[in-house]
C-alpha atoms as a PDB file:
ATOM      1  CA  MET A   1     -78.388 -30.804  19.333  1.00  0.00           C
ATOM      2  CA  ALA A   2     -81.096 -28.658  21.353  1.00  0.00           C
ATOM      3  CA  LEU A   3     -78.321 -27.927  23.711  1.00  0.00           C
ATOM      4  CA  LYS A   4     -76.098 -26.468  21.426  1.00  0.00           C
ATOM      5  CA  VAL A   5     -78.740 -24.241  19.937  1.00  0.00           C
ATOM      6  CA  ILE A   6     -79.852 -22.885  23.465  1.00  0.00           C
ATOM      7  CA  ALA A   7     -76.271 -22.189  24.197  1.00  0.00           C
ATOM      8  CA  LEU A   8     -75.818 -20.301  20.881  1.00  0.00           C
ATOM      9  CA  GLN A   9     -78.950 -18.270  21.712  1.00  0.00           C
ATOM     10  CA  LEU A  10     -77.711 -17.543  25.071  1.00  0.00           C
ATOM     11  CA  ILE A  11     -74.358 -16.569  23.857  1.00  0.00           C
ATOM     12  CA  ALA A  12     -76.100 -14.219  21.141  1.00  0.00           C
ATOM     13  CA  SER A  13     -78.464 -12.592  23.600  1.00  0.00           C
ATOM     14  CA  LEU A  14     -75.511 -11.538  25.881  1.00  0.00           C
ATOM     15  CA  ALA A  15     -73.294 -10.289  23.011  1.00  0.00           C
ATOM     16  CA  ALA A  16     -76.250  -7.907  22.281  1.00  0.00           C
ATOM     17  CA  PHE A  17     -75.582  -6.242  25.516  1.00  0.00           C
ATOM     18  CA  LEU A  18     -71.791  -5.972  25.276  1.00  0.00           C
ATOM     19  CA  PRO A  19     -69.977  -2.925  24.103  1.00  0.00           C
ATOM     20  CA  THR A  20     -68.950  -2.949  20.251  1.00  0.00           C
ATOM     21  CA  THR A  21     -66.007  -0.837  20.722  1.00  0.00           C
ATOM     22  CA  ILE A  22     -62.661  -1.188  23.013  1.00  0.00           C
ATOM     23  CA  PRO A  23     -62.859   1.024  25.547  1.00  0.00           C
ATOM     24  CA  ALA A  24     -60.198   4.182  24.963  1.00  0.00           C
ATOM     25  CA  ASN A  25     -58.709   3.524  28.714  1.00  0.00           C
ATOM     26  CA  LEU A  26     -56.793   0.194  28.776  1.00  0.00           C
ATOM     27  CA  SER A  27     -54.605   0.806  31.760  1.00  0.00           C
ATOM     28  CA  TYR A  28     -54.821  -2.656  33.318  1.00  0.00           C
ATOM     29  CA  PRO A  29     -51.618  -3.513  35.243  1.00  0.00           C
ATOM     30  CA  ALA A  30     -51.726  -7.228  34.092  1.00  0.00           C
ATOM     31  CA  LEU A  31     -53.428  -9.271  31.678  1.00  0.00           C
ATOM     32  CA  PHE A  32     -54.416 -13.392  32.052  1.00  0.00           C
ATOM     33  CA  ASN A  33     -55.342 -14.978  28.841  1.00  0.00           C
ATOM     34  CA  PHE A  34     -57.164 -18.334  28.442  1.00  0.00           C
ATOM     35  CA  GLY A  35     -57.689 -19.903  25.152  1.00  0.00           C
ATOM     36  CA  ASP A  36     -56.484 -21.938  22.127  1.00  0.00           C
ATOM     37  CA  SER A  37     -54.387 -21.313  19.077  1.00  0.00           C
ATOM     38  CA  ASN A  38     -55.952 -18.113  18.513  1.00  0.00           C
ATOM     39  CA  SER A  39     -53.726 -16.797  21.264  1.00  0.00           C
ATOM     40  CA  ASP A  40     -51.420 -19.675  22.138  1.00  0.00           C
ATOM     41  CA  THR A  41     -47.901 -17.548  22.551  1.00  0.00           C
ATOM     42  CA  GLY A  42     -45.989 -21.089  23.111  1.00  0.00           C
ATOM     43  CA  GLY A  43     -48.008 -23.172  25.348  1.00  0.00           C
ATOM     44  CA  LEU A  44     -48.519 -26.171  23.537  1.00  0.00           C
ATOM     45  CA  ASN A  45     -44.872 -26.296  22.530  1.00  0.00           C
ATOM     46  CA  ALA A  46     -43.521 -26.241  26.137  1.00  0.00           C
ATOM     47  CA  GLY A  47     -46.563 -28.397  27.249  1.00  0.00           C
ATOM     48  CA  ILE A  48     -45.973 -31.479  25.040  1.00  0.00           C
ATOM     49  CA  ALA A  49     -42.642 -30.490  22.946  1.00  0.00           C
ATOM     50  CA  PHE A  50     -44.973 -29.541  19.826  1.00  0.00           C
ATOM     51  CA  PRO A  51     -42.666 -28.561  17.055  1.00  0.00           C
ATOM     52  CA  ILE A  52     -44.195 -25.170  16.344  1.00  0.00           C
ATOM     53  CA  LYS A  53     -43.969 -22.479  19.200  1.00  0.00           C
ATOM     54  CA  ARG A  54     -46.681 -20.153  17.708  1.00  0.00           C
ATOM     55  CA  PHE A  55     -49.405 -20.935  15.234  1.00  0.00           C
ATOM     56  CA  CYS A  56     -48.972 -17.979  13.299  1.00  0.00           C
ATOM     57  CA  ASN A  57     -46.728 -16.104  11.059  1.00  0.00           C
ATOM     58  CA  GLY A  58     -47.041 -12.501  12.795  1.00  0.00           C
ATOM     59  CA  TYR A  59     -48.707 -11.254  15.813  1.00  0.00           C
ATOM     60  CA  LEU A  60     -51.814 -12.530  17.556  1.00  0.00           C
ATOM     61  CA  ILE A  61     -54.677 -10.374  18.372  1.00  0.00           C
ATOM     62  CA  ILE A  62     -53.299 -10.828  22.162  1.00  0.00           C
ATOM     63  CA  ASP A  63     -50.035  -9.162  20.909  1.00  0.00           C
ATOM     64  CA  TYR A  64     -51.856  -6.345  19.618  1.00  0.00           C
ATOM     65  CA  LEU A  65     -53.705  -5.994  22.922  1.00  0.00           C
ATOM     66  CA  MET A  66     -50.591  -6.175  24.592  1.00  0.00           C
ATOM     67  CA  ASN A  67     -48.849  -3.437  22.642  1.00  0.00           C
ATOM     68  CA  GLU A  68     -52.050  -1.182  23.152  1.00  0.00           C
ATOM     69  CA  MET A  69     -51.851  -1.672  26.838  1.00  0.00           C
ATOM     70  CA  ASP A  70     -47.992  -0.596  26.545  1.00  0.00           C
ATOM     71  CA  LEU A  71     -47.121  -3.998  28.264  1.00  0.00           C
ATOM     72  CA  PRO A  72     -44.542  -6.665  27.079  1.00  0.00           C
ATOM     73  CA  PHE A  73     -45.945  -9.653  25.330  1.00  0.00           C
ATOM     74  CA  LEU A  74     -47.261 -12.405  27.646  1.00  0.00           C
ATOM     75  CA  ASN A  75     -45.143 -15.634  28.274  1.00  0.00           C
ATOM     76  CA  PRO A  76     -46.845 -18.920  28.282  1.00  0.00           C
ATOM     77  CA  TYR A  77     -47.553 -20.379  31.725  1.00  0.00           C
ATOM     78  CA  LEU A  78     -46.114 -23.727  30.319  1.00  0.00           C
ATOM     79  CA  ASP A  79     -42.902 -22.132  29.350  1.00  0.00           C
ATOM     80  CA  SER A  80     -41.551 -20.943  32.732  1.00  0.00           C
ATOM     81  CA  VAL A  81     -38.052 -22.553  32.239  1.00  0.00           C
ATOM     82  CA  GLY A  82     -35.388 -19.758  32.246  1.00  0.00           C
ATOM     83  CA  ALA A  83     -37.405 -17.597  34.742  1.00  0.00           C
ATOM     84  CA  PRO A  84     -39.553 -15.665  32.331  1.00  0.00           C
ATOM     85  CA  SER A  85     -41.331 -12.619  33.609  1.00  0.00           C
ATOM     86  CA  PHE A  86     -44.919 -12.798  34.642  1.00  0.00           C
ATOM     87  CA  GLN A  87     -45.042  -9.773  36.300  1.00  0.00           C
ATOM     88  CA  THR A  88     -47.679  -8.124  33.752  1.00  0.00           C
ATOM     89  CA  GLY A  89     -49.683 -11.212  33.185  1.00  0.00           C
ATOM     90  CA  CYS A  90     -49.444 -14.772  31.975  1.00  0.00           C
ATOM     91  CA  ASN A  91     -50.792 -16.727  29.049  1.00  0.00           C
ATOM     92  CA  PHE A  92     -52.573 -20.050  29.910  1.00  0.00           C
ATOM     93  CA  ALA A  93     -53.569 -20.572  26.278  1.00  0.00           C
ATOM     94  CA  THR A  94     -52.748 -23.671  24.222  1.00  0.00           C
ATOM     95  CA  ALA A  95     -53.415 -24.684  20.644  1.00  0.00           C
ATOM     96  CA  GLY A  96     -56.112 -27.383  20.538  1.00  0.00           C
ATOM     97  CA  SER A  97     -57.862 -26.800  23.642  1.00  0.00           C
ATOM     98  CA  THR A  98     -61.406 -27.230  23.952  1.00  0.00           C
ATOM     99  CA  VAL A  99     -64.187 -25.738  26.173  1.00  0.00           C
ATOM    100  CA  LEU A 100     -65.197 -29.387  27.175  1.00  0.00           C
ATOM    101  CA  SER A 101     -62.688 -31.506  29.023  1.00  0.00           C
ATOM    102  CA  ALA A 102     -60.225 -33.226  26.605  1.00  0.00           C
ATOM    103  CA  ASN A 103     -60.460 -36.859  25.807  1.00  0.00           C
ATOM    104  CA  ALA A 104     -58.461 -39.297  23.958  1.00  0.00           C
ATOM    105  CA  ALA A 105     -59.036 -37.582  20.419  1.00  0.00           C
ATOM    106  CA  SER A 106     -58.316 -34.151  21.705  1.00  0.00           C
ATOM    107  CA  ILE A 107     -55.285 -32.758  20.303  1.00  0.00           C
ATOM    108  CA  SER A 108     -54.394 -30.937  23.211  1.00  0.00           C
ATOM    109  CA  PRO A 109     -54.923 -32.139  27.038  1.00  0.00           C
ATOM    110  CA  PHE A 110     -55.284 -28.495  28.146  1.00  0.00           C
ATOM    111  CA  SER A 111     -58.958 -27.622  28.166  1.00  0.00           C
ATOM    112  CA  ILE A 112     -60.269 -24.338  29.192  1.00  0.00           C
ATOM    113  CA  GLY A 113     -61.040 -26.001  32.680  1.00  0.00           C
ATOM    114  CA  ILE A 114     -57.416 -27.138  32.995  1.00  0.00           C
ATOM    115  CA  GLN A 115     -56.412 -23.477  32.219  1.00  0.00           C
ATOM    116  CA  VAL A 116     -58.335 -22.294  34.879  1.00  0.00           C
ATOM    117  CA  ALA A 117     -57.036 -24.555  37.436  1.00  0.00           C
ATOM    118  CA  GLN A 118     -53.510 -23.778  36.254  1.00  0.00           C
ATOM    119  CA  PHE A 119     -54.481 -20.124  36.844  1.00  0.00           C
ATOM    120  CA  GLY A 120     -55.631 -20.924  40.489  1.00  0.00           C
ATOM    121  CA  ARG A 121     -52.167 -22.832  41.195  1.00  0.00           C
ATOM    122  CA  PHE A 122     -50.087 -20.057  39.432  1.00  0.00           C
ATOM    123  CA  LYS A 123     -52.024 -17.256  41.577  1.00  0.00           C
ATOM    124  CA  ALA A 124     -51.451 -19.309  44.682  1.00  0.00           C
ATOM    125  CA  LYS A 125     -48.098 -20.088  44.206  1.00  0.00           C
ATOM    126  CA  ALA A 126     -47.001 -16.574  43.150  1.00  0.00           C
ATOM    127  CA  LEU A 127     -48.735 -14.872  46.063  1.00  0.00           C
ATOM    128  CA  GLU A 128     -46.991 -17.461  48.301  1.00  0.00           C
ATOM    129  CA  LEU A 129     -43.507 -16.804  46.786  1.00  0.00           C
ATOM    130  CA  LEU A 130     -43.901 -12.748  46.982  1.00  0.00           C
ATOM    131  CA  SER A 131     -44.716 -13.061  50.464  1.00  0.00           C
ATOM    132  CA  LYS A 132     -41.448 -14.955  51.152  1.00  0.00           C
ATOM    133  CA  ASP A 133     -39.158 -13.015  48.867  1.00  0.00           C
ATOM    134  CA  LYS A 134     -39.740  -9.342  47.793  1.00  0.00           C
ATOM    135  CA  LYS A 135     -36.953  -9.850  45.104  1.00  0.00           C
ATOM    136  CA  LEU A 136     -39.475 -11.712  42.910  1.00  0.00           C
ATOM    137  CA  GLN A 137     -41.631  -8.607  42.623  1.00  0.00           C
ATOM    138  CA  ASN A 138     -39.634  -8.106  39.086  1.00  0.00           C
ATOM    139  CA  VAL A 139     -41.034 -11.435  37.658  1.00  0.00           C
ATOM    140  CA  LEU A 140     -44.389 -11.999  39.432  1.00  0.00           C
ATOM    141  CA  PRO A 141     -47.765  -9.849  39.455  1.00  0.00           C
ATOM    142  CA  PHE A 142     -48.372  -8.180  42.660  1.00  0.00           C
ATOM    143  CA  GLU A 143     -51.785  -9.237  44.423  1.00  0.00           C
ATOM    144  CA  ASP A 144     -53.699  -6.070  43.354  1.00  0.00           C
ATOM    145  CA  TYR A 145     -52.725  -7.074  39.775  1.00  0.00           C
ATOM    146  CA  PHE A 146     -55.145 -10.094  40.001  1.00  0.00           C
ATOM    147  CA  LYS A 147     -57.787  -7.843  41.387  1.00  0.00           C
ATOM    148  CA  GLN A 148     -57.268  -5.108  38.901  1.00  0.00           C
ATOM    149  CA  GLY A 149     -56.034  -7.024  35.825  1.00  0.00           C
ATOM    150  CA  LEU A 150     -57.784  -7.825  32.543  1.00  0.00           C
ATOM    151  CA  TYR A 151     -58.916 -11.367  31.869  1.00  0.00           C
ATOM    152  CA  THR A 152     -59.571 -12.604  28.285  1.00  0.00           C
ATOM    153  CA  PHE A 153     -60.901 -15.740  26.989  1.00  0.00           C
ATOM    154  CA  ASP A 154     -59.928 -16.327  23.074  1.00  0.00           C
ATOM    155  CA  VAL A 155     -61.363 -19.353  21.876  1.00  0.00           C
ATOM    156  CA  ASN A 156     -62.128 -20.299  18.278  1.00  0.00           C
ATOM    157  CA  GLU A 157     -65.744 -21.118  17.211  1.00  0.00           C
ATOM    158  CA  PRO A 158     -66.396 -25.028  16.498  1.00  0.00           C
ATOM    159  CA  SER A 159     -66.347 -26.070  12.986  1.00  0.00           C
END
């Protein structure tokens, strides 16, 4: 319990120094998102054949952000069948994900730690494939996109 209180105090302290408005210039070449159902664009469905693709009946915040950046909606990392384009980013978020490692009671096995590991594999594989086949530039992010991209974490607060 004391650890939770300390963690919340640390987060609150850090949040006090963050900007409260979105910068007017959202010119990022790509976006890489991590999180749970707040920003799952189909990851859980693809990962464990969950019957619902998206956990909303409209746009997610991540969709509005992509619109504002004038980029196409993010494709989920786990739904790579059919060669979707990841050139402008990738969504690693899956519904039910937690910050802590998944356990037997978890809804989703894809914790934030797993998502970050998936990103590492995605980046390494994308750069390897791009070095071998320039035709893939239409569907994979350029190396600079990983450096200049926007990275977002969208996780629901615990209840």
